[in-house]
Amino acid sequence: MKKIITVLLLICATSLLAHEFWLQPDKFIYKWNERINIKFFVGENFEGENWQGNRSRINSLKVHFSDVTDDLSSAIGDEKGDSLQLGVTDEGTAMVTFNNNNSFIELDPQKFNDYLKEDGLADALDYRQKNSEMDSAGREYYQRSVKTILQVGNKLTEVYKKQTDLPLDIILQSNPYAVKQKKEIKAKVLFGGMPLSNSVCKIWQRYKNNTSMKEVMTNMNGEISFETEPFGRWMVSTVKMVRLQDEAKAQWQSYWGSITWGYY
C-alpha cells in the first residue's frame, strides 16, 4: 500500500464530562505537505477543552485519503498530550475518523431525564415513563464516533462521502470545500450501517467567537438537509441511545457522533 501519511500522536490533557465531542484541527485548509494538528475536544456550545484519554481508551483512529486508509492505532502511546499531528504528501480532501471504547456514567433521576430531553432522546424518555423509571438513576455506557474533513491544496476529492466503520456515521453528500456561497447541502446518518431515521441532528456554526445552532430531524432514509456557507467552522452532531437488556451495570448504551469541517 502506498504510504502517504506520516503521523505523531500526542493525546489528552484535562477531563471534562460534557455532551459534544469533536475533532478540531488547528485549521481546516492546508498547503501541500503542511503539518496538520488535530485536537480531541469535549465541551458545549462548540467550545471545548482537550479530552483525557490514552491508548486504552481508543478503539479506532484512521486517516482516509483518496483510496488509502491508514490505521493510526499503533501510533497511540500511553503518554498524555493534546493533539494528533500528521502530514499528507499529496493534494486532496482528507478525512480523519475516531472511535473510543465505552465509558460509564451514572446520573441522578432528574439530571438523566433532563439530559434525555435536552438531546431529543424521546424514545429513551418514553421508555422510562412507560416502565416507571422516571425516579430511577440513569446508568449508561457511552462512546464517541467522530470525524473531520480537511482540504489539502486545491484538488477536491470524494473521500468525504466514504462510508466508514464508525458505529454512528454522519456522511456529507457534497464536498464542503466546493461551497463558495450560501448553499443547502445534505448529509446521511447511519447507525450500524443502516439509515437512522427520526433522529435529532444539531447543526453548529462557530464564527467570530459566536456559536449558532439549529436542529433538524432525519427522514426515513436517515437524511437531513441544511444551509451552510463558507465561513468559520461547522459541526453536525447526533446521538443514538439503545436500551440494554442483559447488562448488570448499565441500562443504556449511547453512541455520540459528529463531523466537523471549516474554512480557515
Protein backbone atom coordinates (compact mmCIF):
# COMPACT_ATOMS: atom_id res chain seq x y z
CA MET A 1 0.00 0.00 0.00
CA LYS A 2 1.27 3.45 -0.89
CA LYS A 3 2.37 5.28 2.23
CA ILE A 4 1.34 8.93 2.09
CA ILE A 5 0.82 9.69 5.76
CA THR A 6 3.31 10.46 8.47
CA VAL A 7 1.96 10.60 12.00
CA LEU A 8 2.84 11.56 15.52
CA LEU A 9 0.19 11.21 18.21
CA LEU A 10 0.14 13.15 21.43
CA ILE A 11 -3.14 12.69 23.25
CA CYS A 12 -5.08 14.09 26.19
CA ALA A 13 -4.91 16.63 28.95
CA THR A 14 -7.89 17.55 31.08
CA SER A 15 -11.06 15.57 31.66
CA LEU A 16 -14.50 17.02 31.08
CA LEU A 17 -17.91 15.45 31.13
CA ALA A 18 -19.96 17.26 28.51
CA HIS A 19 -22.28 16.40 25.65
CA GLU A 20 -20.39 17.14 22.44
CA PHE A 21 -17.11 15.59 21.36
CA TRP A 22 -15.38 16.52 18.13
CA LEU A 23 -12.11 16.63 16.21
CA GLN A 24 -10.80 20.17 15.92
CA PRO A 25 -7.81 20.85 13.65
CA ASP A 26 -5.74 24.00 14.17
CA LYS A 27 -7.19 24.89 10.76
CA PHE A 28 -9.07 23.00 8.06
CA ILE A 29 -7.43 24.12 4.82
CA TYR A 30 -3.74 23.25 4.34
CA LYS A 31 -0.99 23.63 1.80
CA TRP A 32 0.64 20.52 0.36
CA ASN A 33 2.89 18.76 2.91
CA GLU A 34 1.98 21.23 5.65
CA ARG A 35 1.85 19.80 9.18
CA ILE A 36 -1.72 19.11 10.39
CA ASN A 37 -2.56 19.30 14.09
CA ILE A 38 -5.88 17.90 15.35
CA LYS A 39 -7.16 18.19 18.90
CA PHE A 40 -9.68 15.91 20.58
CA PHE A 41 -12.23 18.31 22.08
CA VAL A 42 -15.10 17.82 24.51
CA GLY A 43 -17.44 20.60 25.61
CA GLU A 44 -20.61 22.54 24.98
CA ASN A 45 -21.66 25.33 22.63
CA PHE A 46 -18.96 24.23 20.15
CA GLU A 47 -16.32 25.35 22.65
CA GLY A 48 -14.22 22.78 24.43
CA GLU A 49 -11.15 21.55 26.20
CA ASN A 50 -8.77 18.71 25.47
CA TRP A 51 -10.16 15.25 26.15
CA GLN A 52 -8.36 12.96 28.57
CA GLY A 53 -7.55 9.58 27.10
CA ASN A 54 -4.75 7.26 26.09
CA ARG A 55 -4.11 4.03 24.21
CA SER A 56 -6.52 2.06 26.40
CA ARG A 57 -9.42 4.44 25.64
CA ILE A 58 -9.14 4.46 21.87
CA ASN A 59 -10.77 1.79 19.75
CA SER A 60 -10.04 3.20 16.30
CA LEU A 61 -8.16 6.14 14.78
CA LYS A 62 -7.77 6.32 10.98
CA VAL A 63 -6.94 8.75 8.22
CA HIS A 64 -8.60 8.37 4.82
CA PHE A 65 -7.09 9.93 1.70
CA SER A 66 -8.00 9.04 -1.88
CA ASP A 67 -8.16 5.21 -1.92
CA VAL A 68 -5.79 4.86 1.06
CA THR A 69 -6.82 4.25 4.68
CA ASP A 70 -4.10 4.25 7.32
CA ASP A 71 -4.78 2.79 10.76
CA LEU A 72 -3.09 5.06 13.29
CA SER A 73 -3.92 2.95 16.36
CA SER A 74 -0.40 1.55 16.63
CA ALA A 75 0.97 5.09 16.84
CA ILE A 76 -1.01 5.81 20.00
CA GLY A 77 1.06 5.78 23.16
CA ASP A 78 0.27 5.95 26.84
CA GLU A 79 1.65 9.47 27.16
CA LYS A 80 -0.64 12.40 27.85
CA GLY A 81 -0.60 15.15 25.27
CA ASP A 82 -3.05 17.28 23.36
CA SER A 83 -3.04 16.57 19.64
CA LEU A 84 -2.69 14.29 16.64
CA GLN A 85 -0.08 15.52 14.17
CA LEU A 86 0.17 14.26 10.62
CA GLY A 87 1.36 15.28 7.19
CA VAL A 88 -0.25 14.46 3.83
CA THR A 89 2.20 14.39 0.94
CA ASP A 90 -0.33 14.95 -1.84
CA GLU A 91 -3.23 17.27 -2.64
CA GLY A 92 -6.85 16.34 -2.00
CA THR A 93 -9.65 16.11 0.52
CA ALA A 94 -8.78 14.08 3.63
CA MET A 95 -10.84 12.58 6.45
CA VAL A 96 -9.81 11.53 9.97
CA THR A 97 -12.11 9.19 11.95
CA PHE A 98 -12.06 8.29 15.64
CA ASN A 99 -13.96 5.88 17.88
CA ASN A 100 -13.29 5.27 21.57
CA ASN A 101 -14.13 2.45 23.93
CA ASN A 102 -17.09 2.61 26.27
CA SER A 103 -17.09 4.84 29.33
CA PHE A 104 -19.64 4.62 32.14
CA ILE A 105 -21.71 7.33 33.79
CA GLU A 106 -24.47 7.32 36.40
CA LEU A 107 -26.77 10.33 36.84
CA ASP A 108 -29.47 11.00 39.38
CA PRO A 109 -33.05 10.65 38.04
CA GLN A 110 -33.78 14.32 37.35
CA LYS A 111 -30.43 15.00 35.68
CA PHE A 112 -30.81 11.94 33.49
CA ASN A 113 -34.35 12.90 32.47
CA ASP A 114 -33.25 16.46 31.69
CA TYR A 115 -30.35 15.17 29.62
CA LEU A 116 -32.68 12.96 27.56
CA LYS A 117 -34.99 15.91 26.93
CA GLU A 118 -32.15 18.27 26.01
CA ASP A 119 -30.69 15.91 23.43
CA GLY A 120 -34.00 14.91 21.87
CA LEU A 121 -33.85 11.30 23.05
CA ALA A 122 -37.62 10.93 23.14
CA ASP A 123 -37.62 7.13 22.75
CA ALA A 124 -35.48 6.66 25.86
CA LEU A 125 -37.61 9.12 27.83
CA ASP A 126 -40.81 7.39 26.72
CA TYR A 127 -39.37 4.04 27.79
CA ARG A 128 -38.60 5.40 31.26
CA GLN A 129 -42.10 6.81 31.60
CA LYS A 130 -43.83 3.61 30.45
CA ASN A 131 -41.66 1.42 32.69
CA SER A 132 -41.89 3.57 35.85
CA GLU A 133 -38.19 4.50 35.74
CA MET A 134 -38.52 8.29 35.93
CA ASP A 135 -37.44 8.20 39.58
CA SER A 136 -34.54 5.82 38.93
CA ALA A 137 -30.92 6.81 38.35
CA GLY A 138 -29.70 6.61 34.77
CA ARG A 139 -26.76 4.22 34.25
CA GLU A 140 -25.19 4.46 30.84
CA TYR A 141 -22.27 3.33 28.72
CA TYR A 142 -21.27 5.90 26.10
CA GLN A 143 -18.82 6.11 23.24
CA ARG A 144 -17.89 8.60 20.51
CA SER A 145 -17.87 8.18 16.72
CA VAL A 146 -16.40 11.35 15.22
CA LYS A 147 -14.71 12.56 12.06
CA THR A 148 -13.30 15.69 10.50
CA ILE A 149 -12.96 16.68 6.84
CA LEU A 150 -9.83 18.56 5.75
CA GLN A 151 -8.65 20.07 2.48
CA VAL A 152 -5.02 19.85 1.35
CA GLY A 153 -4.20 22.06 -1.64
CA ASN A 154 -6.75 22.81 -4.36
CA LYS A 155 -7.66 19.34 -5.59
CA LEU A 156 -11.14 18.24 -4.46
CA THR A 157 -11.65 14.51 -4.00
CA GLU A 158 -14.56 12.36 -2.85
CA VAL A 159 -13.31 10.75 0.38
CA TYR A 160 -15.81 12.91 2.33
CA LYS A 161 -18.69 10.63 1.21
CA LYS A 162 -16.99 7.36 2.09
CA GLN A 163 -18.91 5.12 4.49
CA THR A 164 -16.70 4.20 7.44
CA ASP A 165 -16.78 1.53 10.15
CA LEU A 166 -17.88 4.05 12.80
CA PRO A 167 -20.92 2.71 14.70
CA LEU A 168 -22.64 6.08 14.18
CA ASP A 169 -21.57 7.59 10.87
CA ILE A 170 -22.53 11.06 9.59
CA ILE A 171 -21.76 11.28 5.87
CA LEU A 172 -21.84 14.53 3.92
CA GLN A 173 -23.33 14.18 0.45
CA SER A 174 -21.41 17.16 -1.00
CA ASN A 175 -17.81 18.23 -0.64
CA PRO A 176 -17.93 21.17 1.82
CA TYR A 177 -14.85 22.68 0.19
CA ALA A 178 -16.74 23.08 -3.07
CA VAL A 179 -19.12 25.51 -1.29
CA LYS A 180 -18.36 29.07 -2.37
CA GLN A 181 -21.55 30.80 -1.19
CA LYS A 182 -24.57 30.06 0.96
CA LYS A 183 -25.94 26.70 -0.16
CA GLU A 184 -28.14 23.85 1.01
CA ILE A 185 -26.32 20.54 1.38
CA LYS A 186 -27.33 17.08 2.58
CA ALA A 187 -25.94 14.53 4.98
CA LYS A 188 -26.86 10.93 5.71
CA VAL A 189 -26.76 9.35 9.16
CA LEU A 190 -26.07 5.63 9.51
CA PHE A 191 -26.24 3.53 12.66
CA GLY A 192 -24.74 0.07 12.34
CA GLY A 193 -24.52 0.70 8.60
CA MET A 194 -28.27 1.33 8.28
CA PRO A 195 -30.10 4.68 7.85
CA LEU A 196 -31.00 6.24 11.20
CA SER A 197 -34.46 7.80 10.90
CA ASN A 198 -36.27 10.19 13.22
CA SER A 199 -33.07 11.31 14.94
CA VAL A 200 -32.37 14.87 16.08
CA CYS A 201 -29.26 16.36 14.47
CA LYS A 202 -27.68 19.60 15.62
CA ILE A 203 -26.10 21.89 13.02
CA TRP A 204 -23.42 24.10 14.58
CA GLN A 205 -21.51 27.08 13.23
CA ARG A 206 -18.73 28.85 15.11
CA TYR A 207 -17.74 32.19 13.54
CA LYS A 208 -16.10 35.30 15.03
CA ASN A 209 -16.34 33.87 18.58
CA ASN A 210 -20.09 33.29 18.24
CA THR A 211 -21.87 29.94 18.05
CA SER A 212 -25.19 29.31 16.32
CA MET A 213 -27.08 26.03 16.40
CA LYS A 214 -30.25 24.67 14.87
CA GLU A 215 -31.89 21.25 15.00
CA VAL A 216 -33.16 19.13 12.11
CA MET A 217 -34.67 15.66 12.10
CA THR A 218 -33.51 12.81 9.87
CA ASN A 219 -36.12 11.48 7.46
CA MET A 220 -36.99 7.82 6.89
CA ASN A 221 -33.81 7.42 4.82
CA GLY A 222 -31.61 8.88 7.54
CA GLU A 223 -31.09 12.10 5.56
CA ILE A 224 -31.02 15.75 6.57
CA SER A 225 -30.73 18.98 4.58
CA PHE A 226 -29.33 22.22 5.94
CA GLU A 227 -27.93 25.52 4.75
CA THR A 228 -24.22 26.16 5.01
CA GLU A 229 -21.86 28.95 3.99
CA PRO A 230 -18.05 29.12 3.62
CA PHE A 231 -17.29 30.91 6.89
CA GLY A 232 -15.96 29.73 10.26
CA ARG A 233 -16.15 26.10 11.36
CA TRP A 234 -19.08 23.71 11.22
CA MET A 235 -20.25 20.60 13.01
CA VAL A 236 -23.15 18.18 12.64
CA SER A 237 -23.78 16.09 15.74
CA THR A 238 -26.31 13.49 16.81
CA VAL A 239 -26.76 10.71 19.36
CA LYS A 240 -28.36 7.26 19.36
CA MET A 241 -29.48 5.66 22.64
CA VAL A 242 -30.09 1.90 22.90
CA ARG A 243 -31.72 0.07 25.82
CA LEU A 244 -29.61 -2.77 27.23
CA GLN A 245 -31.46 -5.88 28.40
CA ASP A 246 -28.77 -8.22 29.71
CA GLU A 247 -26.24 -5.85 31.25
CA ALA A 248 -25.92 -5.65 35.04
CA LYS A 249 -24.04 -2.35 35.32
CA ALA A 250 -25.76 -0.12 32.76
CA GLN A 251 -29.31 0.25 31.46
CA TRP A 252 -28.39 2.21 28.35
CA GLN A 253 -25.77 2.41 25.61
CA SER A 254 -25.33 5.72 23.81
CA TYR A 255 -23.39 6.49 20.65
CA TRP A 256 -22.37 10.11 20.06
CA GLY A 257 -21.50 11.14 16.53
CA SER A 258 -20.10 14.30 14.99
CA ILE A 259 -18.45 15.59 11.84
CA THR A 260 -16.52 18.85 11.54
CA TRP A 261 -15.19 20.97 8.68
CA GLY A 262 -14.27 24.63 8.27
CA TYR A 263 -12.99 27.47 6.10
CA TYR A 264 -9.69 28.73 7.50
